[in-house]
C-alpha atoms as a PDB file:
ATOM      1  CA  MET A   1     103.324  89.068  44.715  1.00  0.00           C
ATOM      2  CA  THR A   2      99.789  89.235  46.792  1.00  0.00           C
ATOM      3  CA  ALA A   3      99.019  91.958  48.296  1.00  0.00           C
ATOM      4  CA  ARG A   4      98.259  91.466  52.096  1.00  0.00           C
ATOM      5  CA  LEU A   5      94.311  92.631  53.102  1.00  0.00           C
ATOM      6  CA  PRO A   6      94.585  95.312  55.769  1.00  0.00           C
ATOM      7  CA  ARG A   7      94.503  94.780  59.561  1.00  0.00           C
ATOM      8  CA  PRO A   8      90.671  95.016  61.100  1.00  0.00           C
ATOM      9  CA  PRO A   9      90.291  97.959  63.286  1.00  0.00           C
ATOM     10  CA  VAL A  10      90.913  96.985  66.854  1.00  0.00           C
ATOM     11  CA  PHE A  11      89.915  99.584  69.177  1.00  0.00           C
ATOM     12  CA  PHE A  12      86.236  99.831  69.053  1.00  0.00           C
ATOM     13  CA  PRO A  13      86.188  96.211  68.979  1.00  0.00           C
ATOM     14  CA  THR A  14      88.110  96.251  72.231  1.00  0.00           C
ATOM     15  CA  LEU A  15      86.491  99.260  73.669  1.00  0.00           C
ATOM     16  CA  PHE A  16      83.517  97.656  73.221  1.00  0.00           C
ATOM     17  CA  PHE A  17      84.420  94.521  74.819  1.00  0.00           C
ATOM     18  CA  ALA A  18      86.089  95.976  77.806  1.00  0.00           C
ATOM     19  CA  SER A  19      82.707  97.892  78.638  1.00  0.00           C
ATOM     20  CA  ILE A  20      80.677  94.174  78.473  1.00  0.00           C
ATOM     21  CA  PHE A  21      83.248  92.585  80.236  1.00  0.00           C
ATOM     22  CA  ALA A  22      83.343  95.046  83.186  1.00  0.00           C
ATOM     23  CA  LEU A  23      79.197  95.106  83.536  1.00  0.00           C
ATOM     24  CA  LEU A  24      79.441  91.473  83.540  1.00  0.00           C
ATOM     25  CA  ILE A  25      81.796  91.206  86.077  1.00  0.00           C
ATOM     26  CA  GLY A  26      79.692  94.125  87.863  1.00  0.00           C
ATOM     27  CA  LEU A  27      76.645  92.622  87.957  1.00  0.00           C
ATOM     28  CA  GLY A  28      78.288  89.159  89.258  1.00  0.00           C
ATOM     29  CA  VAL A  29      79.988  90.828  92.112  1.00  0.00           C
ATOM     30  CA  TRP A  30      76.636  92.889  92.750  1.00  0.00           C
ATOM     31  CA  GLN A  31      74.752  89.298  93.095  1.00  0.00           C
ATOM     32  CA  LEU A  32      77.843  88.228  95.495  1.00  0.00           C
ATOM     33  CA  GLU A  33      76.879  91.105  97.579  1.00  0.00           C
ATOM     34  CA  ARG A  34      73.286  90.179  97.574  1.00  0.00           C
ATOM     35  CA  LEU A  35      74.072  87.069  98.916  1.00  0.00           C
ATOM     36  CA  ALA A  36      76.008  87.927 101.760  1.00  0.00           C
ATOM     37  CA  GLY A  37      72.783  90.394 102.306  1.00  0.00           C
ATOM     38  CA  LYS A  38      70.482  87.463 101.839  1.00  0.00           C
ATOM     39  CA  ARG A  39      71.862  85.159 104.226  1.00  0.00           C
ATOM     40  CA  VAL A  40      72.022  87.575 107.342  1.00  0.00           C
ATOM     41  CA  LEU A  41      68.428  88.251 106.495  1.00  0.00           C
ATOM     42  CA  LEU A  42      67.652  84.339 106.383  1.00  0.00           C
ATOM     43  CA  ASP A  43      69.589  83.653 109.371  1.00  0.00           C
ATOM     44  CA  ARG A  44      67.503  86.642 111.250  1.00  0.00           C
ATOM     45  CA  ILE A  45      64.894  85.031 109.960  1.00  0.00           C
ATOM     46  CA  ALA A  46      65.630  81.441 111.378  1.00  0.00           C
ATOM     47  CA  ALA A  47      66.585  82.985 114.876  1.00  0.00           C
ATOM     48  CA  ALA A  48      62.791  84.822 114.951  1.00  0.00           C
ATOM     49  CA  GLU A  49      61.697  81.732 114.169  1.00  0.00           C
ATOM     50  CA  THR A  50      62.424  80.126 117.978  1.00  0.00           C
ATOM     51  CA  ALA A  51      62.333  83.145 119.586  1.00  0.00           C
ATOM     52  CA  PRO A  52      59.581  84.112 121.757  1.00  0.00           C
ATOM     53  CA  ALA A  53      56.745  85.957 119.990  1.00  0.00           C
ATOM     54  CA  GLN A  54      56.471  89.674 120.701  1.00  0.00           C
ATOM     55  CA  PRO A  55      53.869  91.837 121.460  1.00  0.00           C
ATOM     56  CA  LEU A  56      52.497  94.099 118.922  1.00  0.00           C
ATOM     57  CA  SER A  57      54.167  97.268 118.925  1.00  0.00           C
ATOM     58  CA  ASP A  58      55.269 100.013 116.116  1.00  0.00           C
ATOM     59  CA  ALA A  59      59.105  98.931 117.265  1.00  0.00           C
ATOM     60  CA  ALA A  60      58.262  95.022 116.539  1.00  0.00           C
ATOM     61  CA  PRO A  61      61.400  93.952 113.703  1.00  0.00           C
ATOM     62  CA  GLN A  62      60.412  93.168 110.410  1.00  0.00           C
ATOM     63  CA  PHE A  63      59.891  89.151 109.899  1.00  0.00           C
ATOM     64  CA  ALA A  64      59.234  88.926 114.068  1.00  0.00           C
ATOM     65  CA  ARG A  65      56.601  86.647 115.202  1.00  0.00           C
ATOM     66  CA  LEU A  66      54.038  88.413 116.915  1.00  0.00           C
ATOM     67  CA  SER A  67      51.604  87.742 119.500  1.00  0.00           C
ATOM     68  CA  VAL A  68      48.410  89.708 119.217  1.00  0.00           C
ATOM     69  CA  SER A  69      45.011  89.059 121.896  1.00  0.00           C
ATOM     70  CA  GLY A  70      41.481  90.078 120.918  1.00  0.00           C
ATOM     71  CA  ARG A  71      38.577  89.056 119.714  1.00  0.00           C
ATOM     72  CA  ILE A  72      38.220  87.408 116.624  1.00  0.00           C
ATOM     73  CA  ASP A  73      34.822  87.617 114.551  1.00  0.00           C
ATOM     74  CA  PRO A  74      34.320  84.726 112.396  1.00  0.00           C
ATOM     75  CA  SER A  75      30.923  85.548 110.797  1.00  0.00           C
ATOM     76  CA  ARG A  76      32.695  88.378 109.327  1.00  0.00           C
ATOM     77  CA  THR A  77      35.248  86.185 106.758  1.00  0.00           C
ATOM     78  CA  ALA A  78      36.680  87.202 103.440  1.00  0.00           C
ATOM     79  CA  ARG A  79      38.493  84.486 101.076  1.00  0.00           C
ATOM     80  CA  TYR A  80      41.721  85.370  99.956  1.00  0.00           C
ATOM     81  CA  LEU A  81      43.333  83.350  96.462  1.00  0.00           C
ATOM     82  CA  VAL A  82      42.154  79.989  95.356  1.00  0.00           C
ATOM     83  CA  GLU A  83      43.987  77.290  96.177  1.00  0.00           C
ATOM     84  CA  VAL A  84      44.114  73.574  95.538  1.00  0.00           C
ATOM     85  CA  ARG A  85      45.454  71.334  98.191  1.00  0.00           C
ATOM     86  CA  HIS A  86      45.296  67.337  99.012  1.00  0.00           C
ATOM     87  CA  THR A  87      43.233  67.010 102.011  1.00  0.00           C
ATOM     88  CA  PRO A  88      42.385  63.272 103.841  1.00  0.00           C
ATOM     89  CA  ARG A  89      39.573  63.342 101.170  1.00  0.00           C
ATOM     90  CA  GLY A  90      41.365  64.275  98.315  1.00  0.00           C
ATOM     91  CA  GLU A  91      42.127  67.125  96.321  1.00  0.00           C
ATOM     92  CA  ARG A  92      40.022  69.900  97.338  1.00  0.00           C
ATOM     93  CA  MET A  93      39.744  73.799  96.087  1.00  0.00           C
ATOM     94  CA  GLY A  94      40.016  76.150  98.644  1.00  0.00           C
ATOM     95  CA  ALA A  95      41.404  79.832  99.971  1.00  0.00           C
ATOM     96  CA  ARG A  96      42.661  81.651 103.108  1.00  0.00           C
ATOM     97  CA  LEU A  97      40.417  83.096 105.314  1.00  0.00           C
ATOM     98  CA  ILE A  98      40.792  86.434 105.997  1.00  0.00           C
ATOM     99  CA  GLN A  99      38.703  87.181 109.864  1.00  0.00           C
ATOM    100  CA  PRO A 100      39.047  90.773 111.757  1.00  0.00           C
ATOM    101  CA  LEU A 101      40.411  90.815 115.116  1.00  0.00           C
ATOM    102  CA  THR A 102      39.241  93.387 117.359  1.00  0.00           C
ATOM    103  CA  ARG A 103      42.158  94.350 120.171  1.00  0.00           C
ATOM    104  CA  PRO A 104      40.737  95.674 123.699  1.00  0.00           C
ATOM    105  CA  ASP A 105      41.567  99.290 122.559  1.00  0.00           C
ATOM    106  CA  GLY A 106      38.858  99.003 120.002  1.00  0.00           C
ATOM    107  CA  SER A 107      41.695  98.672 116.909  1.00  0.00           C
ATOM    108  CA  VAL A 108      41.154  96.027 114.476  1.00  0.00           C
ATOM    109  CA  ILE A 109      43.413  94.035 112.235  1.00  0.00           C
ATOM    110  CA  LEU A 110      42.585  91.532 109.539  1.00  0.00           C
ATOM    111  CA  VAL A 111      43.869  87.920 110.476  1.00  0.00           C
ATOM    112  CA  ASP A 112      44.988  85.564 108.145  1.00  0.00           C
ATOM    113  CA  ARG A 113      43.898  82.345 109.930  1.00  0.00           C
ATOM    114  CA  GLY A 114      44.982  79.757 107.185  1.00  0.00           C
ATOM    115  CA  TRP A 115      43.611  77.940 104.195  1.00  0.00           C
ATOM    116  CA  ALA A 116      40.328  76.177 104.600  1.00  0.00           C
ATOM    117  CA  PRO A 117      38.599  73.946 101.966  1.00  0.00           C
ATOM    118  CA  ASP A 118      35.359  75.509 100.139  1.00  0.00           C
ATOM    119  CA  ASP A 119      33.190  72.665 101.585  1.00  0.00           C
ATOM    120  CA  ALA A 120      34.637  72.755 105.149  1.00  0.00           C
ATOM    121  CA  THR A 121      31.367  72.677 106.971  1.00  0.00           C
ATOM    122  CA  THR A 122      32.851  73.278 110.177  1.00  0.00           C
ATOM    123  CA  LEU A 123      36.202  75.610 111.488  1.00  0.00           C
ATOM    124  CA  ALA A 124      38.280  75.704 114.353  1.00  0.00           C
ATOM    125  CA  PRO A 125      37.129  78.269 117.081  1.00  0.00           C
ATOM    126  CA  PRO A 126      39.657  81.197 116.804  1.00  0.00           C
ATOM    127  CA  PRO A 127      42.215  81.047 119.850  1.00  0.00           C
ATOM    128  CA  PRO A 128      41.998  84.348 122.129  1.00  0.00           C
ATOM    129  CA  THR A 129      45.746  84.530 121.076  1.00  0.00           C
ATOM    130  CA  ILE A 130      47.206  84.873 117.573  1.00  0.00           C
ATOM    131  CA  VAL A 131      50.622  84.235 116.980  1.00  0.00           C
ATOM    132  CA  GLY A 132      51.789  84.806 113.462  1.00  0.00           C
ATOM    133  CA  TYR A 133      53.910  87.546 111.722  1.00  0.00           C
ATOM    134  CA  ALA A 134      52.654  90.932 109.792  1.00  0.00           C
ATOM    135  CA  ARG A 135      52.345  91.152 106.045  1.00  0.00           C
ATOM    136  CA  ARG A 136      52.066  94.173 104.354  1.00  0.00           C
ATOM    137  CA  GLY A 137      49.515  95.118 101.552  1.00  0.00           C
ATOM    138  CA  ASP A 138      50.207  94.187  98.118  1.00  0.00           C
ATOM    139  CA  ALA A 139      49.535  96.308  94.753  1.00  0.00           C
ATOM    140  CA  PRO A 140      47.562  94.468  92.401  1.00  0.00           C
ATOM    141  CA  GLY A 141      49.902  92.516  89.646  1.00  0.00           C
ATOM    142  CA  TRP A 142      49.108  93.118  85.933  1.00  0.00           C
ATOM    143  CA  PHE A 143      47.440  89.556  85.671  1.00  0.00           C
ATOM    144  CA  ALA A 144      45.948  89.491  89.081  1.00  0.00           C
ATOM    145  CA  PRO A 145      42.255  88.349  88.839  1.00  0.00           C
ATOM    146  CA  ALA A 146      40.001  91.471  90.192  1.00  0.00           C
ATOM    147  CA  ASP A 147      38.667  91.272  93.331  1.00  0.00           C
ATOM    148  CA  ASP A 148      34.965  90.042  93.746  1.00  0.00           C
ATOM    149  CA  VAL A 149      34.049  92.474  96.919  1.00  0.00           C
ATOM    150  CA  ALA A 150      30.122  91.539  96.561  1.00  0.00           C
ATOM    151  CA  HIS A 151      31.470  87.836  97.712  1.00  0.00           C
ATOM    152  CA  LEU A 152      34.119  88.876  99.744  1.00  0.00           C
ATOM    153  CA  HIS A 153      36.765  86.882  97.580  1.00  0.00           C
ATOM    154  CA  PHE A 154      40.070  88.905  97.131  1.00  0.00           C
ATOM    155  CA  TYR A 155      42.905  88.119  94.639  1.00  0.00           C
ATOM    156  CA  THR A 156      44.921  91.207  96.072  1.00  0.00           C
ATOM    157  CA  MET A 157      45.895  91.437  99.853  1.00  0.00           C
ATOM    158  CA  ASP A 158      45.082  95.062 100.353  1.00  0.00           C
ATOM    159  CA  PRO A 159      44.104  95.381 103.746  1.00  0.00           C
ATOM    160  CA  GLY A 160      42.284  99.000 103.518  1.00  0.00           C
ATOM    161  CA  ARG A 161      40.047  97.488 100.998  1.00  0.00           C
ATOM    162  CA  ILE A 162      39.497  93.970 102.308  1.00  0.00           C
ATOM    163  CA  GLY A 163      38.539  96.040 105.581  1.00  0.00           C
ATOM    164  CA  ALA A 164      36.132  98.199 103.898  1.00  0.00           C
ATOM    165  CA  ALA A 165      34.404  95.120 102.316  1.00  0.00           C
ATOM    166  CA  LEU A 166      34.189  93.526 105.953  1.00  0.00           C
ATOM    167  CA  GLY A 167      32.634  96.383 107.244  1.00  0.00           C
ATOM    168  CA  PHE A 168      35.151  98.311 108.690  1.00  0.00           C
ATOM    169  CA  ALA A 169      36.061 102.060 108.481  1.00  0.00           C
ATOM    170  CA  GLN A 170      39.808 101.505 109.671  1.00  0.00           C
ATOM    171  CA  VAL A 171      41.935  98.657 109.947  1.00  0.00           C
ATOM    172  CA  ALA A 172      45.972  98.224 110.673  1.00  0.00           C
ATOM    173  CA  PRO A 173      47.776  98.423 107.423  1.00  0.00           C
ATOM    174  CA  PHE A 174      48.884  94.963 107.288  1.00  0.00           C
ATOM    175  CA  VAL A 175      47.418  91.583 107.764  1.00  0.00           C
ATOM    176  CA  LEU A 176      48.466  89.544 110.659  1.00  0.00           C
ATOM    177  CA  VAL A 177      49.254  85.793 109.000  1.00  0.00           C
ATOM    178  CA  ALA A 178      48.323  83.121 112.004  1.00  0.00           C
ATOM    179  CA  LEU A 179      51.312  80.589 112.742  1.00  0.00           C
ATOM    180  CA  GLY A 180      50.803  77.039 113.898  1.00  0.00           C
ATOM    181  CA  SER A 181      50.667  73.406 113.272  1.00  0.00           C
ATOM    182  CA  ALA A 182      48.423  71.618 110.597  1.00  0.00           C
ATOM    183  CA  THR A 183      45.849  68.723 112.448  1.00  0.00           C
ATOM    184  CA  ASP A 184      44.570  66.545 110.035  1.00  0.00           C
ATOM    185  CA  GLY A 185      40.799  67.146 109.374  1.00  0.00           C
ATOM    186  CA  GLN A 186      41.077  70.632 110.998  1.00  0.00           C
ATOM    187  CA  TYR A 187      40.491  73.936 109.339  1.00  0.00           C
ATOM    188  CA  PRO A 188      41.886  76.324 108.883  1.00  0.00           C
ATOM    189  CA  VAL A 189      45.198  75.394 108.064  1.00  0.00           C
ATOM    190  CA  PRO A 190      47.993  77.989 109.314  1.00  0.00           C
ATOM    191  CA  ALA A 191      51.204  78.957 107.954  1.00  0.00           C
ATOM    192  CA  GLU A 192      53.856  76.878 109.419  1.00  0.00           C
ATOM    193  CA  HIS A 193      56.849  78.881 109.225  1.00  0.00           C
ATOM    194  CA  LEU A 194      57.676  82.452 108.865  1.00  0.00           C
ATOM    195  CA  PRO A 195      58.203  83.447 105.124  1.00  0.00           C
ATOM    196  CA  ARG A 196      61.546  82.613 103.517  1.00  0.00           C
ATOM    197  CA  PRO A 197      62.692  84.929  99.996  1.00  0.00           C
ATOM    198  CA  PRO A 198      64.494  82.920  97.820  1.00  0.00           C
ATOM    199  CA  ASN A 199      68.470  82.648  97.604  1.00  0.00           C
ATOM    200  CA  ASP A 200      69.324  82.420  94.294  1.00  0.00           C
ATOM    201  CA  HIS A 201      72.066  84.901  93.722  1.00  0.00           C
ATOM    202  CA  LEU A 202      74.992  82.523  93.739  1.00  0.00           C
ATOM    203  CA  ASN A 203      73.743  80.871  90.928  1.00  0.00           C
ATOM    204  CA  TYR A 204      73.024  84.310  89.423  1.00  0.00           C
ATOM    205  CA  ALA A 205      76.612  85.473  90.465  1.00  0.00           C
ATOM    206  CA  LEU A 206      77.958  82.346  88.203  1.00  0.00           C
ATOM    207  CA  THR A 207      75.683  82.865  85.415  1.00  0.00           C
ATOM    208  CA  TRP A 208      77.387  86.523  84.989  1.00  0.00           C
ATOM    209  CA  PHE A 209      80.987  85.531  85.732  1.00  0.00           C
ATOM    210  CA  ALA A 210      80.436  82.779  82.803  1.00  0.00           C
ATOM    211  CA  LEU A 211      79.431  84.656  80.436  1.00  0.00           C
ATOM    212  CA  ALA A 212      81.872  87.247  81.175  1.00  0.00           C
ATOM    213  CA  ALA A 213      84.408  84.343  80.936  1.00  0.00           C
ATOM    214  CA  SER A 214      82.986  83.279  77.379  1.00  0.00           C
ATOM    215  CA  LEU A 215      83.304  86.769  76.199  1.00  0.00           C
ATOM    216  CA  ALA A 216      86.400  86.931  76.969  1.00  0.00           C
ATOM    217  CA  GLY A 217      87.310  83.604  75.229  1.00  0.00           C
ATOM    218  CA  VAL A 218      85.803  84.391  71.936  1.00  0.00           C
ATOM    219  CA  TYR A 219      87.265  88.316  72.115  1.00  0.00           C
ATOM    220  CA  PHE A 220      90.950  86.537  72.628  1.00  0.00           C
ATOM    221  CA  VAL A 221      90.622  84.377  69.894  1.00  0.00           C
ATOM    222  CA  TRP A 222      89.409  87.399  67.532  1.00  0.00           C
ATOM    223  CA  ILE A 223      92.310  89.530  68.783  1.00  0.00           C
ATOM    224  CA  ARG A 224      94.677  87.155  68.116  1.00  0.00           C
ATOM    225  CA  ARG A 225      93.457  86.405  64.629  1.00  0.00           C
ATOM    226  CA  ALA A 226      93.236  90.180  63.718  1.00  0.00           C
ATOM    227  CA  VAL A 227      96.341  90.635  65.008  1.00  0.00           C
ATOM    228  CA  ARG A 228      97.988  88.033  62.365  1.00  0.00           C
ATOM    229  CA  ALA A 229      96.129  89.273  59.503  1.00  0.00           C
END
C-alpha cells in the first residue's frame, strides 16, 4: 500500500494571498478615487481657460488665468531650460525667456514670456498687460544640470534665485507664464494653454485589478491541488 504524502499547509499561504490580494484591490480603488479627483481638476482648468482673466490677488485660485499690468524690462533677461523646436527656418535650439515685470506698486514679478531661439535677432515688444498663469518654484531635481548664473541660464525654476541674478532683492514667489497665440516668425512664443496634469489613473487602476485577478487565479489553482493532495 502506497503511503500518501501529507497535505501541504494552507493557512500561511492563504494568509499571504489574502494580504496581497487586499493590497492590490486597495491600490486599484485608490487610483479610481484619484481618477475622480483628477477629472474635477481638469474640468476646473478647462473652465478657467475660457473664463475672463482675473486680476492678480492673494485669493486667485490655482490654475486661474491672471491679468497683470506693469513694465517689463527686456534688458534683464534670463533663460530657462534648453529646447529644440521646429521653426520656419528649420530645427533651432532655444530657451524660455524670463524677464522682470515691475508693477505700479513697485513689486516685481518674473514673467516667462515664452520660447525663443538662441539666434533670434529681434523679439516682440512686451505688452503692457500680461495674461498668464502663476507657476510656483521648483526644487532642483537629482539629474538637473547646474544653473549657469554667470550667463543667466537656469535649469531649475527658482524665482528667488533667478530674480537675484537679475539684480532684484525680492520678487514674487512664483513666475507668471504668459499665455497667447503663436505667430510664425515672431518670438518669444508664449504658452498656448493652461497646464494640464496627466490623467492615467484609470490605466493604473486596471493594472492593479488585473494583478489581483491573476494572483487569485494562481491561488485557486494551488489551493485546489493542495486540497486534493
